N, C-alpha and C. Protein backbone atom coordinates (compact mmCIF):
# COMPACT_ATOMS: atom_id res chain seq x y z
N MET A 1 -7.43 -9.80 27.66
CA MET A 1 -7.85 -8.57 27.00
C MET A 1 -8.21 -8.91 25.56
N LYS A 2 -9.31 -8.33 25.08
CA LYS A 2 -9.73 -8.57 23.69
C LYS A 2 -8.74 -7.97 22.73
N LYS A 3 -8.64 -8.61 21.59
CA LYS A 3 -7.74 -8.10 20.55
C LYS A 3 -8.38 -6.88 19.89
N LEU A 4 -7.59 -5.88 19.71
CA LEU A 4 -8.02 -4.69 18.99
C LEU A 4 -7.36 -4.77 17.62
N PHE A 5 -8.17 -4.83 16.59
CA PHE A 5 -7.62 -5.02 15.26
C PHE A 5 -7.87 -3.75 14.45
N ALA A 6 -6.81 -3.11 14.03
CA ALA A 6 -6.93 -1.87 13.26
C ALA A 6 -6.09 -2.01 12.00
N LEU A 7 -6.60 -1.52 10.90
CA LEU A 7 -5.84 -1.57 9.65
C LEU A 7 -5.17 -0.23 9.43
N PHE A 8 -4.01 -0.31 8.86
CA PHE A 8 -3.32 0.93 8.54
C PHE A 8 -2.47 0.71 7.32
N LEU A 9 -2.11 1.78 6.67
CA LEU A 9 -1.29 1.72 5.47
C LEU A 9 -0.05 2.57 5.67
N LEU A 10 0.93 2.26 4.87
CA LEU A 10 2.21 2.91 4.90
C LEU A 10 2.85 2.72 6.26
N PHE A 11 3.30 3.76 6.96
CA PHE A 11 4.03 3.60 8.20
C PHE A 11 3.11 3.56 9.41
N SER A 12 1.94 4.15 9.30
CA SER A 12 0.98 4.15 10.39
C SER A 12 -0.36 4.53 9.82
N LEU A 13 -1.38 4.65 10.69
CA LEU A 13 -2.70 5.02 10.21
C LEU A 13 -2.68 6.38 9.54
N LYS A 14 -1.87 7.27 10.06
CA LYS A 14 -1.73 8.58 9.46
C LYS A 14 -0.39 8.62 8.75
N ALA A 15 -0.41 8.63 7.47
CA ALA A 15 0.82 8.64 6.70
C ALA A 15 1.17 10.07 6.31
N VAL A 16 2.36 10.49 6.68
CA VAL A 16 2.80 11.82 6.30
C VAL A 16 3.02 11.83 4.79
N ALA A 17 2.40 12.78 4.12
CA ALA A 17 2.50 12.80 2.66
C ALA A 17 2.51 14.23 2.16
N GLN A 18 3.68 14.75 1.96
CA GLN A 18 3.80 16.10 1.42
C GLN A 18 3.37 16.10 -0.04
N ASN A 19 2.69 17.13 -0.46
CA ASN A 19 2.34 17.34 -1.85
C ASN A 19 1.63 16.16 -2.50
N SER A 20 0.56 15.70 -1.89
CA SER A 20 -0.26 14.65 -2.47
C SER A 20 -1.23 15.27 -3.47
N VAL A 21 -1.54 14.53 -4.52
CA VAL A 21 -2.52 14.96 -5.50
C VAL A 21 -3.56 13.85 -5.61
N LEU A 22 -4.82 14.19 -5.35
CA LEU A 22 -5.89 13.21 -5.39
C LEU A 22 -6.74 13.44 -6.63
N HIS A 23 -6.89 12.40 -7.42
CA HIS A 23 -7.68 12.45 -8.65
C HIS A 23 -9.00 11.72 -8.39
N MET A 24 -10.09 12.46 -8.44
CA MET A 24 -11.40 11.88 -8.18
C MET A 24 -11.97 11.30 -9.48
N LYS A 25 -12.89 10.35 -9.34
CA LYS A 25 -13.51 9.74 -10.51
C LYS A 25 -14.33 10.73 -11.32
N ASP A 26 -14.83 11.79 -10.68
CA ASP A 26 -15.62 12.79 -11.40
C ASP A 26 -14.76 13.85 -12.09
N GLY A 27 -13.43 13.68 -12.02
CA GLY A 27 -12.52 14.61 -12.68
C GLY A 27 -11.95 15.69 -11.77
N THR A 28 -12.49 15.86 -10.58
CA THR A 28 -11.98 16.83 -9.63
C THR A 28 -10.59 16.42 -9.17
N ILE A 29 -9.73 17.39 -9.01
CA ILE A 29 -8.38 17.13 -8.52
C ILE A 29 -8.16 17.97 -7.26
N TYR A 30 -7.71 17.32 -6.20
CA TYR A 30 -7.39 18.02 -4.96
C TYR A 30 -5.89 17.94 -4.73
N ASN A 31 -5.33 19.06 -4.34
CA ASN A 31 -3.95 19.08 -3.89
C ASN A 31 -3.99 18.95 -2.38
N GLY A 32 -3.25 17.99 -1.87
CA GLY A 32 -3.26 17.77 -0.43
C GLY A 32 -1.88 17.96 0.14
N GLU A 33 -1.83 18.23 1.43
CA GLU A 33 -0.57 18.44 2.11
C GLU A 33 -0.61 17.80 3.48
N THR A 34 0.53 17.50 4.00
CA THR A 34 0.78 17.09 5.37
C THR A 34 0.29 15.68 5.69
N TRP A 35 -1.02 15.45 5.76
CA TRP A 35 -1.51 14.13 6.13
C TRP A 35 -2.34 13.53 5.00
N PHE A 36 -2.12 12.25 4.78
CA PHE A 36 -2.95 11.46 3.88
C PHE A 36 -3.32 10.25 4.72
N GLU A 37 -4.58 10.12 5.07
CA GLU A 37 -4.99 9.15 6.07
C GLU A 37 -6.07 8.21 5.53
N PRO A 38 -5.67 7.02 5.05
CA PRO A 38 -6.67 6.02 4.65
C PRO A 38 -7.28 5.37 5.88
N ASP A 39 -8.58 5.13 5.86
CA ASP A 39 -9.28 4.45 6.95
C ASP A 39 -10.01 3.27 6.34
N ARG A 40 -9.45 2.08 6.48
CA ARG A 40 -10.02 0.89 5.85
C ARG A 40 -11.38 0.53 6.43
N LYS A 41 -11.56 0.72 7.71
CA LYS A 41 -12.83 0.36 8.34
C LYS A 41 -13.97 1.21 7.79
N GLU A 42 -13.75 2.50 7.70
CA GLU A 42 -14.78 3.42 7.21
C GLU A 42 -14.77 3.55 5.69
N LYS A 43 -13.73 2.99 5.04
CA LYS A 43 -13.56 3.07 3.58
C LYS A 43 -13.53 4.53 3.11
N THR A 44 -12.70 5.31 3.81
CA THR A 44 -12.54 6.73 3.48
C THR A 44 -11.05 7.07 3.42
N VAL A 45 -10.79 8.24 2.86
CA VAL A 45 -9.45 8.82 2.85
C VAL A 45 -9.61 10.26 3.31
N SER A 46 -8.76 10.69 4.23
CA SER A 46 -8.80 12.07 4.72
C SER A 46 -7.47 12.74 4.42
N PHE A 47 -7.52 14.05 4.18
CA PHE A 47 -6.32 14.79 3.83
C PHE A 47 -6.59 16.27 4.02
N TYR A 48 -5.52 17.05 4.08
CA TYR A 48 -5.65 18.51 4.07
C TYR A 48 -5.64 18.95 2.62
N ALA A 49 -6.74 19.52 2.16
CA ALA A 49 -6.81 20.04 0.79
C ALA A 49 -6.30 21.47 0.79
N THR A 50 -5.43 21.78 -0.15
CA THR A 50 -4.86 23.12 -0.20
C THR A 50 -5.46 23.97 -1.32
N ASN A 51 -6.33 23.38 -2.13
CA ASN A 51 -6.90 24.16 -3.23
C ASN A 51 -8.41 24.37 -3.06
N ILE A 52 -8.86 24.45 -1.81
CA ILE A 52 -10.27 24.76 -1.54
C ILE A 52 -10.28 26.07 -0.76
N GLY A 53 -10.62 27.14 -1.41
CA GLY A 53 -10.63 28.43 -0.74
C GLY A 53 -9.23 28.91 -0.42
N SER A 54 -9.14 29.81 0.55
CA SER A 54 -7.84 30.42 0.86
C SER A 54 -7.10 29.70 1.98
N LYS A 55 -7.78 28.75 2.67
CA LYS A 55 -7.14 28.05 3.77
C LYS A 55 -7.13 26.55 3.50
N LYS A 56 -6.22 25.88 4.20
CA LYS A 56 -6.23 24.42 4.13
C LYS A 56 -7.51 23.92 4.78
N LYS A 57 -8.07 22.89 4.19
CA LYS A 57 -9.31 22.35 4.73
C LYS A 57 -9.18 20.84 4.86
N TRP A 58 -9.50 20.32 6.05
CA TRP A 58 -9.49 18.88 6.28
C TRP A 58 -10.67 18.31 5.52
N LYS A 59 -10.42 17.34 4.64
CA LYS A 59 -11.46 16.79 3.79
C LYS A 59 -11.43 15.28 3.90
N THR A 60 -12.60 14.67 3.96
CA THR A 60 -12.74 13.22 3.97
C THR A 60 -13.60 12.82 2.79
N ILE A 61 -13.12 11.84 2.03
CA ILE A 61 -13.85 11.36 0.87
C ILE A 61 -13.99 9.84 0.96
N LYS A 62 -14.97 9.31 0.25
CA LYS A 62 -15.14 7.86 0.18
C LYS A 62 -14.11 7.30 -0.80
N VAL A 63 -13.55 6.16 -0.45
CA VAL A 63 -12.57 5.52 -1.32
C VAL A 63 -13.17 5.26 -2.70
N GLU A 64 -14.43 4.87 -2.75
CA GLU A 64 -15.06 4.56 -4.04
C GLU A 64 -15.19 5.79 -4.95
N ASP A 65 -15.09 7.01 -4.41
CA ASP A 65 -15.13 8.23 -5.23
C ASP A 65 -13.75 8.64 -5.74
N LEU A 66 -12.72 8.04 -5.18
CA LEU A 66 -11.34 8.34 -5.55
C LEU A 66 -10.93 7.45 -6.72
N ASP A 67 -10.26 8.04 -7.72
CA ASP A 67 -9.65 7.21 -8.75
C ASP A 67 -8.29 6.77 -8.21
N TYR A 68 -7.39 7.74 -7.98
CA TYR A 68 -6.10 7.43 -7.39
C TYR A 68 -5.50 8.68 -6.77
N ALA A 69 -4.52 8.45 -5.91
CA ALA A 69 -3.80 9.55 -5.28
C ALA A 69 -2.31 9.33 -5.48
N GLU A 70 -1.63 10.39 -5.86
CA GLU A 70 -0.17 10.38 -5.90
C GLU A 70 0.27 10.88 -4.53
N VAL A 71 0.90 10.03 -3.77
CA VAL A 71 1.21 10.34 -2.38
C VAL A 71 2.70 10.62 -2.24
N ALA A 72 3.01 11.83 -1.84
CA ALA A 72 4.39 12.26 -1.57
C ALA A 72 5.30 12.12 -2.77
N GLY A 73 4.75 12.05 -3.96
CA GLY A 73 5.56 12.01 -5.17
C GLY A 73 6.15 10.66 -5.53
N TYR A 74 5.97 9.64 -4.69
CA TYR A 74 6.57 8.33 -4.99
C TYR A 74 5.62 7.16 -4.80
N ALA A 75 4.50 7.36 -4.15
CA ALA A 75 3.56 6.26 -3.89
C ALA A 75 2.24 6.54 -4.61
N LYS A 76 1.51 5.48 -4.88
CA LYS A 76 0.22 5.60 -5.53
C LYS A 76 -0.80 4.79 -4.73
N PHE A 77 -1.87 5.46 -4.34
CA PHE A 77 -2.98 4.82 -3.63
C PHE A 77 -4.16 4.84 -4.59
N LYS A 78 -4.74 3.68 -4.87
CA LYS A 78 -5.79 3.60 -5.88
C LYS A 78 -7.03 2.94 -5.32
N SER A 79 -8.16 3.42 -5.82
CA SER A 79 -9.45 2.82 -5.49
C SER A 79 -9.72 1.67 -6.45
N PHE A 80 -10.04 0.53 -5.88
CA PHE A 80 -10.47 -0.64 -6.64
C PHE A 80 -11.88 -0.95 -6.14
N GLY A 81 -12.86 -0.23 -6.69
CA GLY A 81 -14.22 -0.34 -6.18
C GLY A 81 -14.31 0.36 -4.85
N LYS A 82 -14.73 -0.37 -3.82
CA LYS A 82 -14.83 0.21 -2.48
C LYS A 82 -13.58 -0.05 -1.66
N ARG A 83 -12.58 -0.69 -2.27
CA ARG A 83 -11.33 -0.99 -1.58
C ARG A 83 -10.23 -0.06 -2.09
N GLY A 84 -9.35 0.33 -1.20
CA GLY A 84 -8.21 1.14 -1.58
C GLY A 84 -6.92 0.43 -1.21
N HIS A 85 -5.95 0.48 -2.10
CA HIS A 85 -4.67 -0.18 -1.86
C HIS A 85 -3.54 0.71 -2.36
N PHE A 86 -2.37 0.55 -1.76
CA PHE A 86 -1.18 1.13 -2.34
C PHE A 86 -0.77 0.24 -3.50
N VAL A 87 -0.44 0.86 -4.62
CA VAL A 87 -0.02 0.13 -5.81
C VAL A 87 1.50 0.11 -5.83
N LEU A 88 2.06 -1.09 -5.84
CA LEU A 88 3.51 -1.23 -5.91
C LEU A 88 3.97 -1.26 -7.36
N ALA A 89 3.16 -1.88 -8.22
CA ALA A 89 3.52 -1.97 -9.64
C ALA A 89 2.27 -2.22 -10.46
N GLU A 90 2.32 -1.77 -11.72
CA GLU A 90 1.27 -2.11 -12.67
C GLU A 90 1.89 -2.28 -14.04
N GLY A 91 1.32 -3.19 -14.80
CA GLY A 91 1.80 -3.43 -16.16
C GLY A 91 1.22 -4.71 -16.72
N ASN A 92 1.07 -4.75 -18.04
CA ASN A 92 0.54 -5.91 -18.73
C ASN A 92 -0.80 -6.39 -18.16
N GLY A 93 -1.66 -5.44 -17.83
CA GLY A 93 -3.00 -5.78 -17.33
C GLY A 93 -3.04 -6.32 -15.92
N LYS A 94 -1.97 -6.12 -15.15
CA LYS A 94 -1.93 -6.60 -13.78
C LYS A 94 -1.53 -5.48 -12.83
N TRP A 95 -1.97 -5.60 -11.61
CA TRP A 95 -1.64 -4.66 -10.54
C TRP A 95 -1.05 -5.45 -9.37
N LEU A 96 0.05 -4.98 -8.82
CA LEU A 96 0.60 -5.53 -7.59
C LEU A 96 0.26 -4.53 -6.49
N VAL A 97 -0.62 -4.93 -5.58
CA VAL A 97 -1.11 -4.00 -4.56
C VAL A 97 -0.81 -4.55 -3.17
N SER A 98 -0.79 -3.65 -2.20
CA SER A 98 -0.41 -4.05 -0.85
C SER A 98 -1.37 -3.52 0.20
N GLN A 99 -1.41 -4.27 1.27
CA GLN A 99 -2.11 -3.84 2.48
C GLN A 99 -1.17 -4.14 3.65
N ALA A 100 -1.11 -3.24 4.57
CA ALA A 100 -0.38 -3.46 5.81
C ALA A 100 -1.36 -3.29 6.94
N MET A 101 -1.33 -4.19 7.90
CA MET A 101 -2.27 -4.16 9.02
C MET A 101 -1.50 -4.29 10.31
N VAL A 102 -2.05 -3.75 11.36
CA VAL A 102 -1.44 -3.91 12.67
C VAL A 102 -2.49 -4.45 13.62
N GLU A 103 -2.08 -5.43 14.39
CA GLU A 103 -2.94 -5.99 15.43
C GLU A 103 -2.31 -5.62 16.76
N THR A 104 -3.07 -4.97 17.61
CA THR A 104 -2.55 -4.56 18.91
C THR A 104 -3.11 -5.47 19.99
N ILE A 105 -2.21 -6.11 20.71
CA ILE A 105 -2.60 -6.96 21.84
C ILE A 105 -1.84 -6.42 23.04
N GLY A 106 -2.60 -5.86 23.95
CA GLY A 106 -1.96 -5.21 25.09
C GLY A 106 -1.14 -4.03 24.60
N HIS A 107 0.15 -4.03 24.90
CA HIS A 107 1.04 -2.96 24.45
C HIS A 107 1.89 -3.38 23.26
N ASN A 108 1.61 -4.55 22.71
CA ASN A 108 2.40 -5.07 21.60
C ASN A 108 1.67 -4.91 20.28
N GLU A 109 2.43 -4.58 19.25
CA GLU A 109 1.87 -4.46 17.91
C GLU A 109 2.45 -5.56 17.03
N PHE A 110 1.56 -6.23 16.29
CA PHE A 110 1.96 -7.29 15.38
C PHE A 110 1.56 -6.88 13.98
N TYR A 111 2.53 -6.87 13.07
CA TYR A 111 2.31 -6.41 11.71
C TYR A 111 1.98 -7.58 10.79
N HIS A 112 0.94 -7.40 10.01
CA HIS A 112 0.50 -8.39 9.03
C HIS A 112 0.48 -7.71 7.66
N TYR A 113 0.83 -8.46 6.64
CA TYR A 113 0.89 -7.91 5.29
C TYR A 113 0.12 -8.79 4.33
N LYS A 114 -0.47 -8.15 3.33
CA LYS A 114 -1.14 -8.86 2.26
C LYS A 114 -0.65 -8.26 0.95
N LEU A 115 -0.09 -9.10 0.11
CA LEU A 115 0.40 -8.69 -1.20
C LEU A 115 -0.49 -9.40 -2.22
N GLN A 116 -1.14 -8.63 -3.08
CA GLN A 116 -2.10 -9.20 -4.01
C GLN A 116 -1.77 -8.83 -5.45
N VAL A 117 -2.12 -9.73 -6.36
CA VAL A 117 -2.05 -9.46 -7.79
C VAL A 117 -3.49 -9.41 -8.28
N LEU A 118 -3.86 -8.26 -8.89
CA LEU A 118 -5.20 -8.09 -9.45
C LEU A 118 -5.09 -8.04 -10.96
N ASP A 119 -6.13 -8.52 -11.64
CA ASP A 119 -6.12 -8.45 -13.11
C ASP A 119 -6.69 -7.10 -13.55
N GLU A 120 -6.83 -6.91 -14.85
CA GLU A 120 -7.26 -5.61 -15.38
C GLU A 120 -8.68 -5.23 -14.97
N THR A 121 -9.48 -6.21 -14.53
CA THR A 121 -10.83 -5.91 -14.04
C THR A 121 -10.85 -5.84 -12.51
N TYR A 122 -9.67 -5.81 -11.92
CA TYR A 122 -9.46 -5.71 -10.47
C TYR A 122 -9.88 -6.96 -9.71
N GLU A 123 -9.98 -8.08 -10.40
CA GLU A 123 -10.27 -9.35 -9.74
C GLU A 123 -8.98 -9.93 -9.18
N LEU A 124 -9.08 -10.57 -8.04
CA LEU A 124 -7.93 -11.17 -7.38
C LEU A 124 -7.42 -12.36 -8.18
N MET A 125 -6.16 -12.31 -8.58
CA MET A 125 -5.52 -13.43 -9.27
C MET A 125 -4.77 -14.32 -8.29
N ASP A 126 -4.10 -13.68 -7.33
CA ASP A 126 -3.28 -14.42 -6.37
C ASP A 126 -2.94 -13.50 -5.22
N GLU A 127 -2.59 -14.08 -4.09
CA GLU A 127 -2.16 -13.27 -2.95
C GLU A 127 -1.25 -14.10 -2.06
N ILE A 128 -0.46 -13.37 -1.29
CA ILE A 128 0.38 -13.99 -0.27
C ILE A 128 0.23 -13.14 0.99
N ILE A 129 0.05 -13.81 2.11
CA ILE A 129 -0.17 -13.13 3.38
C ILE A 129 0.98 -13.53 4.31
N PHE A 130 1.58 -12.54 4.96
CA PHE A 130 2.71 -12.83 5.83
C PHE A 130 2.75 -11.82 6.96
N THR A 131 3.60 -12.08 7.95
CA THR A 131 3.74 -11.20 9.11
C THR A 131 5.20 -10.80 9.28
N ARG A 132 5.41 -9.85 10.17
CA ARG A 132 6.76 -9.42 10.52
C ARG A 132 7.30 -10.19 11.73
N PHE A 133 6.50 -11.05 12.31
CA PHE A 133 6.92 -11.79 13.51
C PHE A 133 8.15 -12.62 13.16
N PRO A 134 9.24 -12.51 13.92
CA PRO A 134 10.52 -13.10 13.53
C PRO A 134 10.70 -14.59 13.82
N SER A 135 9.64 -15.38 13.77
CA SER A 135 9.80 -16.81 14.01
C SER A 135 10.24 -17.52 12.73
N LYS A 136 10.74 -18.73 12.86
CA LYS A 136 11.26 -19.49 11.72
C LYS A 136 10.15 -19.80 10.71
N ASP A 137 8.97 -20.24 11.17
CA ASP A 137 7.90 -20.57 10.22
C ASP A 137 7.39 -19.33 9.48
N LYS A 138 7.34 -18.20 10.14
CA LYS A 138 6.93 -16.95 9.48
C LYS A 138 8.00 -16.50 8.50
N SER A 139 9.26 -16.77 8.83
CA SER A 139 10.37 -16.44 7.95
C SER A 139 10.27 -17.19 6.62
N VAL A 140 9.84 -18.43 6.67
CA VAL A 140 9.70 -19.24 5.45
C VAL A 140 8.67 -18.60 4.52
N THR A 141 7.54 -18.14 5.06
CA THR A 141 6.52 -17.50 4.22
C THR A 141 7.05 -16.21 3.61
N ARG A 142 7.75 -15.39 4.40
CA ARG A 142 8.34 -14.16 3.86
C ARG A 142 9.34 -14.47 2.76
N GLY A 143 10.03 -15.59 2.89
CA GLY A 143 10.99 -16.00 1.88
C GLY A 143 10.36 -16.33 0.54
N LEU A 144 9.06 -16.57 0.52
CA LEU A 144 8.34 -16.88 -0.72
C LEU A 144 7.97 -15.62 -1.52
N VAL A 145 8.02 -14.47 -0.88
CA VAL A 145 7.57 -13.22 -1.51
C VAL A 145 8.34 -12.89 -2.79
N PRO A 146 9.68 -12.95 -2.82
CA PRO A 146 10.38 -12.62 -4.07
C PRO A 146 9.93 -13.48 -5.26
N ASP A 147 9.77 -14.78 -5.06
CA ASP A 147 9.32 -15.64 -6.16
C ASP A 147 7.87 -15.34 -6.55
N PHE A 148 7.05 -14.98 -5.57
CA PHE A 148 5.66 -14.59 -5.84
C PHE A 148 5.63 -13.37 -6.77
N VAL A 149 6.44 -12.37 -6.46
CA VAL A 149 6.48 -11.15 -7.27
C VAL A 149 7.04 -11.46 -8.66
N ARG A 150 8.12 -12.21 -8.71
CA ARG A 150 8.73 -12.55 -10.00
C ARG A 150 7.79 -13.36 -10.90
N LYS A 151 6.95 -14.17 -10.30
CA LYS A 151 6.01 -14.99 -11.07
C LYS A 151 5.11 -14.11 -11.95
N TYR A 152 4.71 -12.96 -11.45
CA TYR A 152 3.77 -12.10 -12.17
C TYR A 152 4.42 -10.88 -12.81
N PHE A 153 5.58 -10.45 -12.31
CA PHE A 153 6.20 -9.21 -12.78
C PHE A 153 7.67 -9.41 -13.14
N SER A 154 8.01 -10.54 -13.70
CA SER A 154 9.40 -10.84 -14.04
C SER A 154 9.96 -9.88 -15.09
N ASP A 155 9.09 -9.29 -15.90
CA ASP A 155 9.53 -8.37 -16.95
C ASP A 155 9.60 -6.92 -16.49
N CYS A 156 9.38 -6.68 -15.21
CA CYS A 156 9.40 -5.32 -14.67
C CYS A 156 10.75 -5.09 -13.98
N ASP A 157 11.72 -4.62 -14.75
CA ASP A 157 13.09 -4.50 -14.28
C ASP A 157 13.23 -3.66 -13.01
N GLN A 158 12.53 -2.52 -12.95
CA GLN A 158 12.64 -1.64 -11.76
C GLN A 158 12.15 -2.35 -10.51
N LEU A 159 11.05 -3.07 -10.62
CA LEU A 159 10.51 -3.78 -9.46
C LEU A 159 11.45 -4.90 -9.03
N ILE A 160 11.96 -5.66 -9.98
CA ILE A 160 12.87 -6.75 -9.65
C ILE A 160 14.15 -6.20 -9.02
N GLU A 161 14.63 -5.07 -9.54
CA GLU A 161 15.81 -4.43 -8.96
C GLU A 161 15.55 -4.02 -7.52
N ARG A 162 14.40 -3.43 -7.26
CA ARG A 162 14.04 -3.04 -5.89
C ARG A 162 13.92 -4.26 -5.00
N LEU A 163 13.29 -5.29 -5.52
CA LEU A 163 13.12 -6.53 -4.78
C LEU A 163 14.48 -7.13 -4.42
N ASN A 164 15.42 -7.08 -5.35
CA ASN A 164 16.76 -7.64 -5.11
C ASN A 164 17.50 -6.92 -4.00
N THR A 165 17.22 -5.63 -3.79
CA THR A 165 17.88 -4.90 -2.70
C THR A 165 17.38 -5.37 -1.34
N MET A 166 16.21 -6.00 -1.32
CA MET A 166 15.63 -6.49 -0.07
C MET A 166 15.94 -7.96 0.16
N ASN A 167 16.49 -8.60 -0.81
CA ASN A 167 16.80 -10.02 -0.71
C ASN A 167 18.22 -10.18 -0.21
N SER A 168 18.44 -9.75 1.02
CA SER A 168 19.79 -9.74 1.58
C SER A 168 20.09 -11.06 2.27
N THR A 169 21.11 -11.05 3.05
CA THR A 169 21.50 -12.24 3.81
C THR A 169 20.71 -12.36 5.11
N ASP A 170 19.65 -11.62 5.22
CA ASP A 170 18.78 -11.63 6.39
C ASP A 170 18.14 -13.01 6.52
N ASP A 171 18.57 -13.81 7.49
CA ASP A 171 18.06 -15.17 7.62
C ASP A 171 16.61 -15.24 8.07
N LYS A 172 16.06 -14.13 8.55
CA LYS A 172 14.64 -14.10 8.95
C LYS A 172 13.75 -13.50 7.87
N ASN A 173 14.35 -13.07 6.77
CA ASN A 173 13.62 -12.50 5.64
C ASN A 173 12.76 -11.29 6.03
N LEU A 174 13.21 -10.54 7.01
CA LEU A 174 12.45 -9.36 7.45
C LEU A 174 12.61 -8.17 6.50
N GLU A 175 13.68 -8.14 5.73
CA GLU A 175 13.92 -7.04 4.79
C GLU A 175 12.77 -6.89 3.80
N ILE A 176 12.12 -7.98 3.45
CA ILE A 176 11.05 -7.94 2.44
C ILE A 176 9.86 -7.11 2.92
N CYS A 177 9.72 -6.93 4.22
CA CYS A 177 8.62 -6.11 4.75
C CYS A 177 8.72 -4.66 4.28
N LYS A 178 9.94 -4.22 3.94
CA LYS A 178 10.12 -2.85 3.44
C LYS A 178 9.35 -2.61 2.15
N LEU A 179 9.14 -3.66 1.38
CA LEU A 179 8.38 -3.53 0.13
C LEU A 179 7.00 -2.96 0.39
N LEU A 180 6.38 -3.34 1.51
CA LEU A 180 5.05 -2.86 1.86
C LEU A 180 5.07 -1.70 2.83
N ASP A 181 6.08 -1.65 3.69
CA ASP A 181 6.19 -0.53 4.63
C ASP A 181 6.51 0.78 3.91
N GLN A 182 7.24 0.67 2.81
CA GLN A 182 7.65 1.83 2.03
C GLN A 182 7.20 1.64 0.58
N PRO A 183 5.90 1.74 0.34
CA PRO A 183 5.38 1.44 -1.00
C PRO A 183 5.78 2.50 -2.02
N ILE A 184 6.56 2.08 -2.98
CA ILE A 184 6.98 2.96 -4.07
C ILE A 184 6.32 2.46 -5.34
N TYR A 185 5.61 3.34 -6.01
CA TYR A 185 4.89 2.98 -7.24
C TYR A 185 5.86 2.84 -8.42
N ILE A 186 5.70 1.73 -9.15
CA ILE A 186 6.51 1.50 -10.34
C ILE A 186 5.57 1.16 -11.50
N ASN A 187 5.67 1.96 -12.57
CA ASN A 187 4.91 1.70 -13.78
C ASN A 187 5.77 0.82 -14.68
N CYS A 188 5.39 -0.42 -14.84
CA CYS A 188 6.20 -1.39 -15.58
C CYS A 188 6.09 -1.25 -17.08
N THR A 189 5.22 -0.37 -17.55
CA THR A 189 5.07 -0.19 -19.00
C THR A 189 5.99 0.90 -19.53
N LYS A 190 6.66 1.62 -18.66
CA LYS A 190 7.56 2.70 -19.09
C LYS A 190 8.98 2.21 -19.18
């Protein structure tokens, strides 16, 4: 059977996001509710807008028209040109952004992650790619993630504190996947 490759963010393709606020590049602000659905293939974001007329309206926008979205009060999804990423941290002219992907083969889902550091012009400085597959060699790559983050964000106390909660005695280093599965935005300049 051919591999079906679909990208998704947060917990699934459709991320539940109560009280999302979307800030467009043209200054328009949409209040969204219930679903916030990034579509990497189509480079769009869909959501229920609550401030258009008297009823909720399903709205789809291009990622490139979005500046950023505050998702569920704790996550930030930002447009970097035509690409959209969840922002885990920003500070000192750098962005720590994430992508989570799922590959479906038959009835099995395999999770892949990409953690990137972008500079102030949104150019890629560095990245680490890893999976949730619990093999020993994959575990070694996941084990590199804390040092990767510390290399660029060592002065971001909140991020390092969060990272330390995931650096448990887990010999397969699977805890680190929570960093991308549950993206919490941290502003390192505050």
